[in-house]
Amino acid sequence: MNPPVPRRSPLTAWIGWSAFTTAALVLATVVAQPVWAGLFLTGDIGMLAAHQQGANLATLVLVVDLVLRILWWSPCRGPALGVWLNLALTAALYIQYVLGQDRLLQFHFPLGVGLSLLSAWLVVHSWRSVRRIGGAA
């Protein structure tokens, strides 16, 4: 079964590019997390707060991304995979946050790698979806 063809409209293109941008922001914050954590381990105590604020920022951007993806998927007939990837990322990020707060680092570190890979997949999927509809911003 072929996926539905998105409607080609300025709104569809705008939502698609916005979803791509938010996915890229999520990837940037997720990839910055080990940098902040590493700087904390070298003795810069303030980086632990930056690590926590980075997780908060990633969560906020994921919520905005989810709203955009639902709008892109439902009324604009865009790809549903982005919604599911976002939900998986949101759940994994929540689990990651709890594991970090409980200092369960043996699970926190590998899940962080998984978050990076899942975030990269969301960006690639977003880019391909925007290119498929030919959305010019």
Protein backbone atom coordinates (compact mmCIF):
# COMPACT_ATOMS: atom_id res chain seq x y z
CA MET A 1 0.00 0.00 0.00
CA ASN A 2 1.45 3.37 -1.00
CA PRO A 3 1.61 6.15 1.57
CA PRO A 4 -0.82 9.01 1.02
CA VAL A 5 0.51 11.81 -1.12
CA PRO A 6 0.69 15.02 0.92
CA ARG A 7 -1.28 17.99 -0.29
CA ARG A 8 1.01 20.49 -1.96
CA SER A 9 0.23 23.83 -0.43
CA PRO A 10 2.19 26.65 1.18
CA LEU A 11 0.87 25.51 4.57
CA THR A 12 2.08 21.95 3.99
CA ALA A 13 5.51 23.23 3.01
CA TRP A 14 5.64 25.57 6.01
CA ILE A 15 4.68 22.82 8.45
CA GLY A 16 7.14 20.42 6.83
CA TRP A 17 10.05 22.83 7.03
CA SER A 18 9.12 23.77 10.60
CA ALA A 19 9.06 20.08 11.57
CA PHE A 20 12.47 19.61 9.93
CA THR A 21 13.84 22.61 11.84
CA THR A 22 12.52 21.40 15.19
CA ALA A 23 13.91 17.91 14.50
CA ALA A 24 17.32 19.47 13.80
CA LEU A 25 17.08 21.42 17.07
CA VAL A 26 16.27 18.23 18.96
CA LEU A 27 19.28 16.53 17.37
CA ALA A 28 21.52 19.46 18.30
CA THR A 29 20.41 19.43 21.95
CA VAL A 30 20.68 15.65 22.22
CA VAL A 31 24.17 15.62 20.70
CA ALA A 32 25.26 18.47 23.01
CA GLN A 33 24.21 16.49 26.10
CA PRO A 34 27.35 14.30 26.34
CA VAL A 35 29.51 17.38 25.82
CA TRP A 36 27.93 19.10 28.81
CA ALA A 37 28.15 15.91 30.86
CA GLY A 38 31.80 15.45 29.91
CA LEU A 39 32.64 18.99 30.93
CA PHE A 40 30.93 18.33 34.26
CA LEU A 41 33.12 15.26 34.74
CA THR A 42 36.23 17.40 34.17
CA GLY A 43 35.26 19.51 37.17
CA ASP A 44 33.08 22.27 35.73
CA ILE A 45 30.16 21.98 38.16
CA GLY A 46 27.98 24.42 36.19
CA MET A 47 27.82 22.02 33.26
CA LEU A 48 25.55 19.69 35.20
CA ALA A 49 22.93 22.45 35.21
CA ALA A 50 23.54 22.96 31.47
CA HIS A 51 23.07 19.20 30.98
CA GLN A 52 19.73 19.34 32.81
CA GLN A 53 18.59 22.49 30.99
CA GLY A 54 19.53 20.84 27.69
CA ALA A 55 17.21 17.96 28.54
CA ASN A 56 14.45 20.44 29.37
CA LEU A 57 15.01 22.27 26.08
CA ALA A 58 14.96 19.02 24.10
CA THR A 59 11.66 18.10 25.77
CA LEU A 60 10.12 21.48 24.95
CA VAL A 61 11.24 21.31 21.32
CA LEU A 62 9.91 17.74 21.04
CA VAL A 63 6.47 18.89 22.20
CA VAL A 64 6.45 21.65 19.56
CA ASP A 65 7.65 19.11 16.99
CA LEU A 66 4.86 16.71 17.95
CA VAL A 67 2.21 19.39 17.39
CA LEU A 68 3.72 20.21 13.99
CA ARG A 69 3.87 16.55 12.99
CA ILE A 70 0.26 15.94 13.97
CA LEU A 71 -0.77 18.95 11.89
CA TRP A 72 1.38 17.76 8.99
CA TRP A 73 0.07 14.21 9.23
CA SER A 74 -3.65 14.71 9.81
CA PRO A 75 -4.97 17.64 7.77
CA CYS A 76 -2.09 17.80 5.28
CA ARG A 77 -1.81 14.02 4.73
CA GLY A 78 1.86 14.02 5.55
CA PRO A 79 3.90 11.04 6.80
CA ALA A 80 2.73 9.30 9.97
CA LEU A 81 6.18 7.89 10.71
CA GLY A 82 7.33 11.27 12.02
CA VAL A 83 4.60 11.22 14.66
CA TRP A 84 5.63 7.75 15.83
CA LEU A 85 9.33 8.64 15.83
CA ASN A 86 8.55 11.72 17.90
CA LEU A 87 6.49 9.72 20.40
CA ALA A 88 9.30 7.16 20.71
CA LEU A 89 11.82 9.97 21.24
CA THR A 90 9.61 11.65 23.83
CA ALA A 91 9.18 8.42 25.78
CA ALA A 92 12.91 7.61 25.58
CA LEU A 93 13.81 11.15 26.65
CA TYR A 94 11.50 10.90 29.66
CA ILE A 95 13.07 7.57 30.65
CA GLN A 96 16.52 9.09 30.09
CA TYR A 97 15.65 12.02 32.34
CA VAL A 98 14.45 9.73 35.15
CA LEU A 99 17.51 7.48 34.84
CA GLY A 100 19.79 10.52 35.05
CA GLN A 101 17.99 11.90 38.09
CA ASP A 102 18.29 8.52 39.81
CA ARG A 103 21.99 8.34 38.81
CA LEU A 104 21.51 5.01 37.01
CA LEU A 105 24.34 5.82 34.63
CA GLN A 106 24.78 2.25 33.41
CA PHE A 107 21.42 2.71 31.63
CA HIS A 108 21.60 6.48 31.15
CA PHE A 109 24.66 6.38 28.85
CA PRO A 110 23.50 3.69 26.38
CA LEU A 111 20.04 5.22 26.16
CA GLY A 112 21.71 8.54 25.33
CA VAL A 113 23.37 6.87 22.34
CA GLY A 114 19.99 5.51 21.28
CA LEU A 115 18.46 8.97 21.62
CA SER A 116 21.15 10.38 19.32
CA LEU A 117 20.45 7.74 16.69
CA LEU A 118 16.68 8.15 16.94
CA SER A 119 17.03 11.94 16.70
CA ALA A 120 19.20 11.57 13.59
CA TRP A 121 16.60 9.25 12.07
CA LEU A 122 13.90 11.86 12.72
CA VAL A 123 15.98 14.54 10.95
CA VAL A 124 16.66 12.28 7.94
CA HIS A 125 13.00 11.29 7.74
CA SER A 126 11.94 14.94 7.96
CA TRP A 127 14.35 15.97 5.23
CA ARG A 128 13.21 13.19 2.90
CA SER A 129 9.56 13.99 3.55
CA VAL A 130 10.01 17.69 2.84
CA ARG A 131 11.94 16.89 -0.34
CA ARG A 132 9.25 14.43 -1.44
CA ILE A 133 6.52 17.05 -1.34
CA GLY A 134 8.80 19.54 -3.05
CA GLY A 135 8.16 22.03 -0.31
CA ALA A 136 9.94 25.29 -0.89
CA ALA A 137 9.97 27.48 2.18
